[in-house]
Structure formats: C-alpha cells, structure tokens
C-alpha cells in the first residue's frame, strides 16, 4: 500500500499475494482489498485498517483472473 506524502508516494504496508498479480480492487469502504493472481487462479483477500494489511481467505476462481473491477463507480 502507498500513501501520498506531499507530491511523493510513501510505502505504508506490504503483504504477500499470489503469483502474477493482474489487478487490485478495493471495497467501497476501503477496508477490503482483493488482489488477482493469474497463475494461482485465485483472488487474495486482505483487510486494511489504514496501517496494516491482514491476509484473509483466498477465493479459488478456477481460472486465470485477467481483469477486476467493483460494481460501484
């Protein structure tokens, strides 16, 4: 995770995700982060509290996830 610090990006948190990640989506409230993994054919879920990423379950999608988006604008 990165934060904006003035005109620069500042690393805030880091977590291991699946291999060959293609995209990331955030829940509307920003507390859940979903990361695609093309090789592992899954979606890694993380909880975000503003300072820490906590790994959650991995959703098996039975295929390579090539794109991701949320339903809210």
PDB file of N, CA and C in Angstrom:
ATOM      1  N   UNK A   1       0.848  -1.164   0.000  1.00  0.00           N
ATOM      2  CA  UNK A   1       0.000   0.000   0.000  1.00  0.00           C
ATOM      3  C   UNK A   1       0.895   1.228   0.000  1.00  0.00           C
ATOM      4  N   UNK A   2       0.445   2.244  -0.702  1.00  0.00           N
ATOM      5  CA  UNK A   2       1.169   3.502  -0.775  1.00  0.00           C
ATOM      6  C   UNK A   2       0.272   4.635  -0.292  1.00  0.00           C
ATOM      7  N   UNK A   3       0.880   5.660   0.255  1.00  0.00           N
ATOM      8  CA  UNK A   3       0.165   6.863   0.671  1.00  0.00           C
ATOM      9  C   UNK A   3       0.792   8.050  -0.048  1.00  0.00           C
ATOM     10  N   UNK A   4       0.009   9.079  -0.264  1.00  0.00           N
ATOM     11  CA  UNK A   4       0.531  10.300  -0.861  1.00  0.00           C
ATOM     12  C   UNK A   4       1.072  11.175   0.248  1.00  0.00           C
ATOM     13  N   UNK A   5       2.338  11.553   0.107  1.00  0.00           N
ATOM     14  CA  UNK A   5       3.001  12.401   1.084  1.00  0.00           C
ATOM     15  C   UNK A   5       3.514  13.625   0.316  1.00  0.00           C
ATOM     16  N   UNK A   6       2.732  14.703   0.323  1.00  0.00           N
ATOM     17  CA  UNK A   6       3.063  15.861  -0.491  1.00  0.00           C
ATOM     18  C   UNK A   6       2.898  15.501  -1.953  1.00  0.00           C
ATOM     19  N   UNK A   7       3.988  15.507  -2.701  1.00  0.00           N
ATOM     20  CA  UNK A   7       3.956  15.122  -4.115  1.00  0.00           C
ATOM     21  C   UNK A   7       4.619  13.777  -4.357  1.00  0.00           C
ATOM     22  N   UNK A   8       4.853  13.035  -3.296  1.00  0.00           N
ATOM     23  CA  UNK A   8       5.541  11.741  -3.405  1.00  0.00           C
ATOM     24  C   UNK A   8       4.670  10.618  -2.853  1.00  0.00           C
ATOM     25  N   UNK A   9       4.985   9.410  -3.303  1.00  0.00           N
ATOM     26  CA  UNK A   9       4.346   8.219  -2.758  1.00  0.00           C
ATOM     27  C   UNK A   9       5.221   7.653  -1.660  1.00  0.00           C
ATOM     28  N   UNK A  10       4.579   7.232  -0.582  1.00  0.00           N
ATOM     29  CA  UNK A  10       5.297   6.686   0.572  1.00  0.00           C
ATOM     30  C   UNK A  10       4.779   5.278   0.851  1.00  0.00           C
ATOM     31  N   UNK A  11       5.662   4.268   0.901  1.00  0.00           N
ATOM     32  CA  UNK A  11       5.218   2.916   1.265  1.00  0.00           C
ATOM     33  C   UNK A  11       4.641   2.901   2.687  1.00  0.00           C
ATOM     34  N   UNK A  12       3.485   2.244   2.838  1.00  0.00           N
ATOM     35  CA  UNK A  12       2.823   2.176   4.143  1.00  0.00           C
ATOM     36  C   UNK A  12       2.753   0.730   4.648  1.00  0.00           C
ATOM     37  N   UNK A  13       2.405  -0.209   3.756  1.00  0.00           N
ATOM     38  CA  UNK A  13       2.270  -1.614   4.162  1.00  0.00           C
ATOM     39  C   UNK A  13       2.539  -2.506   2.960  1.00  0.00           C
ATOM     40  N   UNK A  14       2.893  -3.752   3.265  1.00  0.00           N
ATOM     41  CA  UNK A  14       3.199  -4.720   2.223  1.00  0.00           C
ATOM     42  C   UNK A  14       2.694  -6.084   2.664  1.00  0.00           C
ATOM     43  N   UNK A  15       2.214  -6.890   1.699  1.00  0.00           N
ATOM     44  CA  UNK A  15       1.750  -8.238   2.026  1.00  0.00           C
ATOM     45  C   UNK A  15       2.019  -9.146   0.828  1.00  0.00           C
ATOM     46  N   UNK A  16       2.223 -10.420   1.090  1.00  0.00           N
ATOM     47  CA  UNK A  16       2.416 -11.405   0.036  1.00  0.00           C
ATOM     48  C   UNK A  16       1.076 -11.713  -0.619  1.00  0.00           C
ATOM     49  N   UNK A  17       1.071 -11.760  -1.938  1.00  0.00           N
ATOM     50  CA  UNK A  17      -0.125 -12.135  -2.692  1.00  0.00           C
ATOM     51  C   UNK A  17       0.283 -13.221  -3.677  1.00  0.00           C
ATOM     52  N   UNK A  18      -0.675 -13.723  -4.411  1.00  0.00           N
ATOM     53  CA  UNK A  18      -0.406 -14.781  -5.378  1.00  0.00           C
ATOM     54  C   UNK A  18       0.542 -14.343  -6.474  1.00  0.00           C
ATOM     55  N   UNK A  19       0.891 -15.292  -7.315  1.00  0.00           N
ATOM     56  CA  UNK A  19       1.859 -15.039  -8.388  1.00  0.00           C
ATOM     57  C   UNK A  19       1.187 -14.420  -9.610  1.00  0.00           C
ATOM     58  N   UNK A  20       1.899 -13.525 -10.254  1.00  0.00           N
ATOM     59  CA  UNK A  20       1.481 -12.811 -11.456  1.00  0.00           C
ATOM     60  C   UNK A  20       0.170 -12.064 -11.212  1.00  0.00           C
ATOM     61  N   UNK A  21       0.208 -11.160 -10.262  1.00  0.00           N
ATOM     62  CA  UNK A  21      -0.978 -10.369  -9.921  1.00  0.00           C
ATOM     63  C   UNK A  21      -1.332  -9.443 -11.073  1.00  0.00           C
ATOM     64  N   UNK A  22      -2.603  -9.435 -11.447  1.00  0.00           N
ATOM     65  CA  UNK A  22      -3.070  -8.662 -12.597  1.00  0.00           C
ATOM     66  C   UNK A  22      -3.779  -7.367 -12.203  1.00  0.00           C
ATOM     67  N   UNK A  23      -4.382  -7.324 -11.031  1.00  0.00           N
ATOM     68  CA  UNK A  23      -5.121  -6.127 -10.648  1.00  0.00           C
ATOM     69  C   UNK A  23      -5.510  -6.163  -9.192  1.00  0.00           C
ATOM     70  N   UNK A  24      -5.966  -5.011  -8.721  1.00  0.00           N
ATOM     71  CA  UNK A  24      -6.389  -4.858  -7.327  1.00  0.00           C
ATOM     72  C   UNK A  24      -7.705  -4.103  -7.313  1.00  0.00           C
ATOM     73  N   UNK A  25      -8.614  -4.516  -6.448  1.00  0.00           N
ATOM     74  CA  UNK A  25      -9.879  -3.804  -6.266  1.00  0.00           C
ATOM     75  C   UNK A  25     -10.101  -3.558  -4.785  1.00  0.00           C
ATOM     76  N   UNK A  26     -10.689  -2.426  -4.475  1.00  0.00           N
ATOM     77  CA  UNK A  26     -10.985  -2.050  -3.091  1.00  0.00           C
ATOM     78  C   UNK A  26     -12.488  -2.060  -2.880  1.00  0.00           C
ATOM     79  N   UNK A  27     -12.926  -2.445  -1.692  1.00  0.00           N
ATOM     80  CA  UNK A  27     -14.343  -2.337  -1.352  1.00  0.00           C
ATOM     81  C   UNK A  27     -14.703  -0.856  -1.245  1.00  0.00           C
ATOM     82  N   UNK A  28     -15.987  -0.562  -1.292  1.00  0.00           N
ATOM     83  CA  UNK A  28     -16.439   0.827  -1.247  1.00  0.00           C
ATOM     84  C   UNK A  28     -15.961   1.544   0.007  1.00  0.00           C
ATOM     85  N   UNK A  29     -15.933   0.825   1.140  1.00  0.00           N
ATOM     86  CA  UNK A  29     -15.481   1.459   2.394  1.00  0.00           C
ATOM     87  C   UNK A  29     -13.955   1.446   2.536  1.00  0.00           C
ATOM     88  N   UNK A  30     -13.245   0.816   1.588  1.00  0.00           N
ATOM     89  CA  UNK A  30     -11.787   0.796   1.603  1.00  0.00           C
ATOM     90  C   UNK A  30     -11.172  -0.152   2.611  1.00  0.00           C
ATOM     91  N   UNK A  31     -11.974  -0.986   3.252  1.00  0.00           N
ATOM     92  CA  UNK A  31     -11.455  -1.881   4.293  1.00  0.00           C
ATOM     93  C   UNK A  31     -11.115  -3.273   3.793  1.00  0.00           C
ATOM     94  N   UNK A  32     -11.532  -3.604   2.579  1.00  0.00           N
ATOM     95  CA  UNK A  32     -11.215  -4.901   1.992  1.00  0.00           C
ATOM     96  C   UNK A  32     -10.500  -4.671   0.668  1.00  0.00           C
ATOM     97  N   UNK A  33      -9.411  -5.404   0.475  1.00  0.00           N
ATOM     98  CA  UNK A  33      -8.618  -5.312  -0.746  1.00  0.00           C
ATOM     99  C   UNK A  33      -8.586  -6.700  -1.372  1.00  0.00           C
ATOM    100  N   UNK A  34      -8.864  -6.775  -2.682  1.00  0.00           N
ATOM    101  CA  UNK A  34      -8.856  -8.042  -3.392  1.00  0.00           C
ATOM    102  C   UNK A  34      -7.791  -7.958  -4.482  1.00  0.00           C
ATOM    103  N   UNK A  35      -6.882  -8.953  -4.517  1.00  0.00           N
ATOM    104  CA  UNK A  35      -5.775  -8.975  -5.474  1.00  0.00           C
ATOM    105  C   UNK A  35      -5.902 -10.224  -6.342  1.00  0.00           C
ATOM    106  N   UNK A  36      -5.874 -10.042  -7.663  1.00  0.00           N
ATOM    107  CA  UNK A  36      -5.953 -11.173  -8.582  1.00  0.00           C
ATOM    108  C   UNK A  36      -4.616 -11.900  -8.684  1.00  0.00           C
ATOM    109  N   UNK A  37      -4.684 -13.192  -8.879  1.00  0.00           N
ATOM    110  CA  UNK A  37      -3.478 -13.991  -9.109  1.00  0.00           C
ATOM    111  C   UNK A  37      -3.716 -14.891 -10.317  1.00  0.00           C
ATOM    112  N   UNK A  38      -3.103 -14.557 -11.428  1.00  0.00           N
ATOM    113  CA  UNK A  38      -3.303 -15.293 -12.672  1.00  0.00           C
ATOM    114  C   UNK A  38      -2.805 -16.735 -12.575  1.00  0.00           C
ATOM    115  N   UNK A  39      -1.598 -16.943 -12.078  1.00  0.00           N
ATOM    116  CA  UNK A  39      -1.020 -18.291 -12.022  1.00  0.00           C
ATOM    117  C   UNK A  39      -1.703 -19.154 -10.963  1.00  0.00           C
ATOM    118  N   UNK A  40      -1.978 -18.591  -9.798  1.00  0.00           N
ATOM    119  CA  UNK A  40      -2.604 -19.359  -8.722  1.00  0.00           C
ATOM    120  C   UNK A  40      -4.115 -19.470  -8.888  1.00  0.00           C
ATOM    121  N   UNK A  41      -4.663 -18.766  -9.868  1.00  0.00           N
ATOM    122  CA  UNK A  41      -6.100 -18.816 -10.182  1.00  0.00           C
ATOM    123  C   UNK A  41      -6.969 -18.499  -8.972  1.00  0.00           C
ATOM    124  N   UNK A  42      -6.604 -17.426  -8.306  1.00  0.00           N
ATOM    125  CA  UNK A  42      -7.356 -17.058  -7.113  1.00  0.00           C
ATOM    126  C   UNK A  42      -7.417 -15.560  -6.892  1.00  0.00           C
ATOM    127  N   UNK A  43      -8.236 -15.189  -5.946  1.00  0.00           N
ATOM    128  CA  UNK A  43      -8.352 -13.810  -5.501  1.00  0.00           C
ATOM    129  C   UNK A  43      -7.935 -13.774  -4.036  1.00  0.00           C
ATOM    130  N   UNK A  44      -6.846 -13.086  -3.739  1.00  0.00           N
ATOM    131  CA  UNK A  44      -6.367 -12.941  -2.367  1.00  0.00           C
ATOM    132  C   UNK A  44      -7.122 -11.797  -1.710  1.00  0.00           C
ATOM    133  N   UNK A  45      -7.709 -12.054  -0.555  1.00  0.00           N
ATOM    134  CA  UNK A  45      -8.441 -11.020   0.180  1.00  0.00           C
ATOM    135  C   UNK A  45      -7.615 -10.544   1.364  1.00  0.00           C
ATOM    136  N   UNK A  46      -7.642  -9.238   1.592  1.00  0.00           N
ATOM    137  CA  UNK A  46      -6.927  -8.619   2.711  1.00  0.00           C
ATOM    138  C   UNK A  46      -7.854  -7.625   3.394  1.00  0.00           C
ATOM    139  N   UNK A  47      -7.688  -7.476   4.690  1.00  0.00           N
ATOM    140  CA  UNK A  47      -8.354  -6.423   5.451  1.00  0.00           C
ATOM    141  C   UNK A  47      -7.359  -5.284   5.616  1.00  0.00           C
ATOM    142  N   UNK A  48      -7.821  -4.059   5.467  1.00  0.00           N
ATOM    143  CA  UNK A  48      -6.979  -2.873   5.565  1.00  0.00           C
ATOM    144  C   UNK A  48      -7.554  -1.964   6.644  1.00  0.00           C
ATOM    145  N   UNK A  49      -6.737  -1.633   7.656  1.00  0.00           N
ATOM    146  CA  UNK A  49      -7.208  -0.770   8.743  1.00  0.00           C
ATOM    147  C   UNK A  49      -6.575   0.619   8.691  1.00  0.00           C
ATOM    148  N   UNK A  50      -5.901   0.922   7.595  1.00  0.00           N
ATOM    149  CA  UNK A  50      -5.255   2.214   7.447  1.00  0.00           C
ATOM    150  C   UNK A  50      -3.759   2.169   7.685  1.00  0.00           C
ATOM    151  N   UNK A  51      -3.292   1.107   8.346  1.00  0.00           N
ATOM    152  CA  UNK A  51      -1.851   0.959   8.582  1.00  0.00           C
ATOM    153  C   UNK A  51      -1.347  -0.459   8.311  1.00  0.00           C
ATOM    154  N   UNK A  52      -2.237  -1.448   8.386  1.00  0.00           N
ATOM    155  CA  UNK A  52      -1.824  -2.843   8.277  1.00  0.00           C
ATOM    156  C   UNK A  52      -2.723  -3.608   7.313  1.00  0.00           C
ATOM    157  N   UNK A  53      -2.113  -4.445   6.468  1.00  0.00           N
ATOM    158  CA  UNK A  53      -2.853  -5.388   5.631  1.00  0.00           C
ATOM    159  C   UNK A  53      -2.855  -6.736   6.337  1.00  0.00           C
ATOM    160  N   UNK A  54      -4.032  -7.271   6.592  1.00  0.00           N
ATOM    161  CA  UNK A  54      -4.163  -8.571   7.245  1.00  0.00           C
ATOM    162  C   UNK A  54      -4.689  -9.572   6.225  1.00  0.00           C
ATOM    163  N   UNK A  55      -3.915 -10.642   5.930  1.00  0.00           N
ATOM    164  CA  UNK A  55      -4.374 -11.627   4.950  1.00  0.00           C
ATOM    165  C   UNK A  55      -5.652 -12.319   5.398  1.00  0.00           C
ATOM    166  N   UNK A  56      -6.507 -12.572   4.428  1.00  0.00           N
ATOM    167  CA  UNK A  56      -7.746 -13.308   4.663  1.00  0.00           C
ATOM    168  C   UNK A  56      -7.755 -14.536   3.770  1.00  0.00           C
ATOM    169  N   UNK A  57      -8.940 -15.003   3.404  1.00  0.00           N
ATOM    170  CA  UNK A  57      -9.025 -16.202   2.572  1.00  0.00           C
ATOM    171  C   UNK A  57      -8.595 -15.927   1.136  1.00  0.00           C
ATOM    172  N   UNK A  58      -8.302 -17.006   0.433  1.00  0.00           N
ATOM    173  CA  UNK A  58      -8.033 -16.942  -0.993  1.00  0.00           C
ATOM    174  C   UNK A  58      -9.217 -17.598  -1.693  1.00  0.00           C
ATOM    175  N   UNK A  59      -9.857 -16.851  -2.584  1.00  0.00           N
ATOM    176  CA  UNK A  59     -11.002 -17.385  -3.317  1.00  0.00           C
ATOM    177  C   UNK A  59     -10.522 -18.055  -4.594  1.00  0.00           C
ATOM    178  N   UNK A  60     -10.859 -19.319  -4.774  1.00  0.00           N
ATOM    179  CA  UNK A  60     -10.483 -20.068  -5.969  1.00  0.00           C
ATOM    180  C   UNK A  60     -11.466 -19.701  -7.070  1.00  0.00           C
ATOM    181  N   UNK A  61     -10.960 -19.162  -8.180  1.00  0.00           N
ATOM    182  CA  UNK A  61     -11.852 -18.774  -9.279  1.00  0.00           C
ATOM    183  C   UNK A  61     -11.783 -19.750 -10.455  1.00  0.00           C
ATOM    184  N   UNK A  62     -11.033 -20.830 -10.307  1.00  0.00           N
ATOM    185  CA  UNK A  62     -10.948 -21.917 -11.292  1.00  0.00           C
ATOM    186  C   UNK A  62     -10.522 -21.448 -12.677  1.00  0.00           C
ATOM    187  N   UNK A  63      -9.803 -20.366 -12.734  1.00  0.00           N
ATOM    188  CA  UNK A  63      -9.294 -19.853 -13.998  1.00  0.00           C
ATOM    189  C   UNK A  63      -8.443 -18.635 -13.730  1.00  0.00           C
ATOM    190  N   UNK A  64      -7.661 -18.249 -14.701  1.00  0.00           N
ATOM    191  CA  UNK A  64      -6.828 -17.070 -14.543  1.00  0.00           C
ATOM    192  C   UNK A  64      -7.658 -15.807 -14.551  1.00  0.00           C
ATOM    193  N   UNK A  65      -7.560 -15.035 -13.519  1.00  0.00           N
ATOM    194  CA  UNK A  65      -8.287 -13.766 -13.437  1.00  0.00           C
ATOM    195  C   UNK A  65      -7.540 -12.738 -14.272  1.00  0.00           C
ATOM    196  N   UNK A  66      -8.163 -12.242 -15.335  1.00  0.00           N
ATOM    197  CA  UNK A  66      -7.472 -11.325 -16.234  1.00  0.00           C
ATOM    198  C   UNK A  66      -7.908  -9.868 -16.064  1.00  0.00           C
ATOM    199  N   UNK A  67      -8.983  -9.619 -15.348  1.00  0.00           N
ATOM    200  CA  UNK A  67      -9.446  -8.244 -15.117  1.00  0.00           C
ATOM    201  C   UNK A  67     -10.299  -8.227 -13.853  1.00  0.00           C
ATOM    202  N   UNK A  68     -10.342  -7.097 -13.210  1.00  0.00           N
ATOM    203  CA  UNK A  68     -11.142  -6.989 -11.990  1.00  0.00           C
ATOM    204  C   UNK A  68     -11.678  -5.569 -11.884  1.00  0.00           C
ATOM    205  N   UNK A  69     -12.860  -5.443 -11.325  1.00  0.00           N
ATOM    206  CA  UNK A  69     -13.432  -4.133 -11.039  1.00  0.00           C
ATOM    207  C   UNK A  69     -14.527  -4.288 -10.011  1.00  0.00           C
ATOM    208  N   UNK A  70     -14.942  -3.187  -9.444  1.00  0.00           N
ATOM    209  CA  UNK A  70     -16.048  -3.207  -8.499  1.00  0.00           C
ATOM    210  C   UNK A  70     -17.297  -2.704  -9.198  1.00  0.00           C
ATOM    211  N   UNK A  71     -18.448  -2.925  -8.601  1.00  0.00           N
ATOM    212  CA  UNK A  71     -19.713  -2.512  -9.225  1.00  0.00           C
ATOM    213  C   UNK A  71     -20.074  -1.069  -8.889  1.00  0.00           C
ATOM    214  N   UNK A  72     -19.339  -0.450  -7.996  1.00  0.00           N
ATOM    215  CA  UNK A  72     -19.641   0.946  -7.649  1.00  0.00           C
ATOM    216  C   UNK A  72     -18.669   1.872  -8.373  1.00  0.00           C
ATOM    217  N   UNK A  73     -19.153   3.048  -8.757  1.00  0.00           N
ATOM    218  CA  UNK A  73     -18.291   3.969  -9.516  1.00  0.00           C
ATOM    219  C   UNK A  73     -17.182   4.576  -8.669  1.00  0.00           C
TER     220      UNK A  73
END
